């Protein structure tokens, strides 16, 4: 069974409809890899994101302070 996410077929951003949502990974406090912890829009003007944090789902638009 292949990893569908890495095939290059990412879902479209439902906010802007112009770009893709791409998966981002992170590490836990115990240095365990957490795959697909967040998804972010590739449109720099949109900045929509979805994040899993502590079992909860957060979504919205990144603030100017958070954007780098």
N, C-alpha and C. Protein backbone atom coordinates (compact mmCIF):
# COMPACT_ATOMS: atom_id res chain seq x y z
N UNK A 1 0.85 -1.17 0.00
CA UNK A 1 0.00 0.00 0.00
C UNK A 1 0.89 1.23 0.00
N UNK A 2 0.77 2.09 -1.01
CA UNK A 2 1.63 3.26 -1.15
C UNK A 2 1.18 4.43 -0.31
N UNK A 3 2.08 5.38 -0.19
CA UNK A 3 1.79 6.61 0.55
C UNK A 3 1.19 7.61 -0.42
N UNK A 4 -0.14 7.76 -0.40
CA UNK A 4 -0.83 8.60 -1.36
C UNK A 4 -0.41 10.06 -1.27
N UNK A 5 -0.07 10.52 -0.08
CA UNK A 5 0.25 11.92 0.12
C UNK A 5 1.51 12.33 -0.64
N UNK A 6 2.44 11.45 -0.77
CA UNK A 6 3.71 11.81 -1.39
C UNK A 6 3.71 11.63 -2.90
N UNK A 7 2.56 11.38 -3.49
CA UNK A 7 2.49 11.18 -4.93
C UNK A 7 2.45 12.50 -5.69
N UNK A 8 2.34 13.62 -4.99
CA UNK A 8 2.29 14.92 -5.65
C UNK A 8 0.87 15.39 -5.89
N UNK A 9 -0.12 14.60 -5.54
CA UNK A 9 -1.51 14.98 -5.70
C UNK A 9 -2.06 15.50 -4.37
N UNK A 10 -1.79 16.76 -4.10
CA UNK A 10 -2.23 17.35 -2.84
C UNK A 10 -3.61 17.96 -3.00
N UNK A 11 -4.37 18.02 -1.90
CA UNK A 11 -5.71 18.61 -1.98
C UNK A 11 -5.64 20.11 -2.23
N UNK A 12 -6.63 20.64 -2.93
CA UNK A 12 -6.71 22.09 -3.16
C UNK A 12 -7.11 22.79 -1.88
N UNK A 13 -6.60 23.99 -1.69
CA UNK A 13 -6.99 24.79 -0.55
C UNK A 13 -8.44 25.21 -0.73
N UNK A 14 -9.26 24.94 0.27
CA UNK A 14 -10.69 25.27 0.19
C UNK A 14 -10.95 26.75 0.46
N UNK A 15 -9.94 27.46 0.99
CA UNK A 15 -10.12 28.89 1.26
C UNK A 15 -9.90 29.72 0.00
N UNK A 16 -8.73 29.55 -0.65
CA UNK A 16 -8.44 30.38 -1.82
C UNK A 16 -8.76 29.67 -3.13
N UNK A 17 -8.73 28.34 -3.15
CA UNK A 17 -9.02 27.58 -4.35
C UNK A 17 -7.97 27.70 -5.44
N UNK A 18 -6.87 28.38 -5.16
CA UNK A 18 -5.83 28.62 -6.17
C UNK A 18 -4.60 27.74 -5.98
N UNK A 19 -4.38 27.26 -4.77
CA UNK A 19 -3.14 26.56 -4.46
C UNK A 19 -3.45 25.23 -3.76
N UNK A 20 -2.40 24.52 -3.43
CA UNK A 20 -2.53 23.22 -2.77
C UNK A 20 -2.28 23.34 -1.27
N UNK A 21 -2.85 22.39 -0.52
CA UNK A 21 -2.49 22.21 0.88
C UNK A 21 -1.40 21.15 0.92
N UNK A 22 -0.28 21.47 1.54
CA UNK A 22 0.83 20.53 1.62
C UNK A 22 1.04 20.11 3.06
N UNK A 23 1.43 18.86 3.29
CA UNK A 23 1.62 18.38 4.66
C UNK A 23 2.96 18.83 5.24
N UNK A 24 2.95 19.10 6.53
CA UNK A 24 4.17 19.44 7.27
C UNK A 24 4.29 18.48 8.44
N UNK A 25 5.49 18.09 8.75
CA UNK A 25 5.73 17.17 9.86
C UNK A 25 6.49 17.88 10.97
N UNK A 26 6.52 17.27 12.14
CA UNK A 26 7.19 17.86 13.30
C UNK A 26 7.69 16.72 14.18
N UNK A 27 8.32 17.09 15.28
CA UNK A 27 8.79 16.11 16.26
C UNK A 27 8.15 16.41 17.60
N UNK A 28 7.82 15.36 18.35
CA UNK A 28 7.25 15.52 19.69
C UNK A 28 8.35 15.88 20.67
N UNK A 29 7.95 16.11 21.92
CA UNK A 29 8.93 16.40 22.97
C UNK A 29 9.91 15.25 23.17
N UNK A 30 9.50 14.04 22.78
CA UNK A 30 10.34 12.85 22.92
C UNK A 30 11.11 12.54 21.64
N UNK A 31 11.16 13.49 20.72
CA UNK A 31 11.85 13.34 19.43
C UNK A 31 11.25 12.26 18.55
N UNK A 32 9.96 12.02 18.69
CA UNK A 32 9.25 11.07 17.84
C UNK A 32 8.64 11.85 16.67
N UNK A 33 8.86 11.36 15.47
CA UNK A 33 8.33 12.05 14.29
C UNK A 33 6.80 12.00 14.27
N UNK A 34 6.19 13.14 14.00
CA UNK A 34 4.74 13.23 13.86
C UNK A 34 4.48 13.64 12.42
N UNK A 35 4.04 12.67 11.62
CA UNK A 35 3.78 12.95 10.20
C UNK A 35 2.47 13.67 10.04
N UNK A 36 2.47 14.63 9.17
CA UNK A 36 1.27 15.39 8.80
C UNK A 36 0.64 16.08 10.01
N UNK A 37 1.47 16.70 10.83
CA UNK A 37 0.97 17.43 11.99
C UNK A 37 0.21 18.68 11.54
N UNK A 38 0.62 19.23 10.42
CA UNK A 38 -0.01 20.45 9.91
C UNK A 38 -0.12 20.38 8.40
N UNK A 39 -1.07 21.13 7.89
CA UNK A 39 -1.23 21.31 6.45
C UNK A 39 -1.27 22.81 6.21
N UNK A 40 -0.57 23.28 5.18
CA UNK A 40 -0.51 24.71 4.90
C UNK A 40 -0.72 24.97 3.42
N UNK A 41 -1.39 26.07 3.12
CA UNK A 41 -1.62 26.48 1.73
C UNK A 41 -0.32 27.01 1.14
N UNK A 42 -0.06 26.66 -0.10
CA UNK A 42 1.16 27.11 -0.77
C UNK A 42 1.04 28.53 -1.34
N UNK A 43 -0.14 29.10 -1.28
CA UNK A 43 -0.35 30.48 -1.73
C UNK A 43 0.05 31.42 -0.60
N UNK A 44 1.14 32.17 -0.79
CA UNK A 44 1.64 33.01 0.31
C UNK A 44 0.67 34.11 0.70
N UNK A 45 -0.25 34.48 -0.17
CA UNK A 45 -1.24 35.50 0.17
C UNK A 45 -2.42 34.92 0.94
N UNK A 46 -2.64 33.62 0.85
CA UNK A 46 -3.74 32.96 1.54
C UNK A 46 -3.36 32.62 2.99
N UNK A 47 -2.27 31.89 3.16
CA UNK A 47 -1.73 31.49 4.47
C UNK A 47 -2.69 30.67 5.32
N UNK A 48 -3.61 29.93 4.70
CA UNK A 48 -4.52 29.06 5.45
C UNK A 48 -3.74 27.86 5.97
N UNK A 49 -4.11 27.37 7.15
CA UNK A 49 -3.44 26.21 7.74
C UNK A 49 -4.41 25.37 8.55
N UNK A 50 -4.03 24.11 8.76
CA UNK A 50 -4.72 23.18 9.66
C UNK A 50 -3.63 22.54 10.50
N UNK A 51 -3.81 22.52 11.83
CA UNK A 51 -2.79 21.98 12.74
C UNK A 51 -3.44 21.03 13.74
N UNK A 52 -2.78 19.90 13.99
CA UNK A 52 -3.18 18.99 15.07
C UNK A 52 -2.30 19.31 16.26
N UNK A 53 -2.92 19.63 17.40
CA UNK A 53 -2.15 19.97 18.59
C UNK A 53 -2.86 19.40 19.82
N UNK A 54 -2.21 18.47 20.48
CA UNK A 54 -2.78 17.88 21.69
C UNK A 54 -4.11 17.19 21.46
N UNK A 55 -4.30 16.59 20.30
CA UNK A 55 -5.54 15.90 19.99
C UNK A 55 -6.65 16.80 19.47
N UNK A 56 -6.40 18.11 19.42
CA UNK A 56 -7.38 19.06 18.89
C UNK A 56 -6.97 19.53 17.50
N UNK A 57 -7.94 19.93 16.71
CA UNK A 57 -7.68 20.44 15.37
C UNK A 57 -7.90 21.94 15.38
N UNK A 58 -6.89 22.68 14.91
CA UNK A 58 -6.97 24.13 14.80
C UNK A 58 -6.83 24.49 13.33
N UNK A 59 -7.55 25.51 12.91
CA UNK A 59 -7.42 25.95 11.53
C UNK A 59 -7.68 27.44 11.46
N UNK A 60 -7.24 28.05 10.37
CA UNK A 60 -7.43 29.48 10.19
C UNK A 60 -6.37 30.05 9.28
N UNK A 61 -6.07 31.32 9.51
CA UNK A 61 -5.08 32.02 8.70
C UNK A 61 -3.95 32.47 9.61
N UNK A 62 -2.73 32.26 9.17
CA UNK A 62 -1.57 32.66 9.97
C UNK A 62 -1.54 34.17 10.12
N UNK A 63 -1.17 34.62 11.31
CA UNK A 63 -1.03 36.06 11.54
C UNK A 63 0.25 36.57 10.90
N UNK A 64 0.36 37.87 10.77
CA UNK A 64 1.53 38.47 10.17
C UNK A 64 2.79 38.14 11.00
N UNK A 65 2.62 38.04 12.33
CA UNK A 65 3.76 37.73 13.18
C UNK A 65 4.24 36.31 12.98
N UNK A 66 3.32 35.40 12.67
CA UNK A 66 3.68 33.99 12.50
C UNK A 66 4.29 33.72 11.12
N UNK A 67 3.92 34.52 10.13
CA UNK A 67 4.42 34.30 8.78
C UNK A 67 5.90 34.70 8.70
N UNK A 68 6.71 33.85 8.09
CA UNK A 68 8.14 34.16 7.95
C UNK A 68 8.56 34.05 6.53
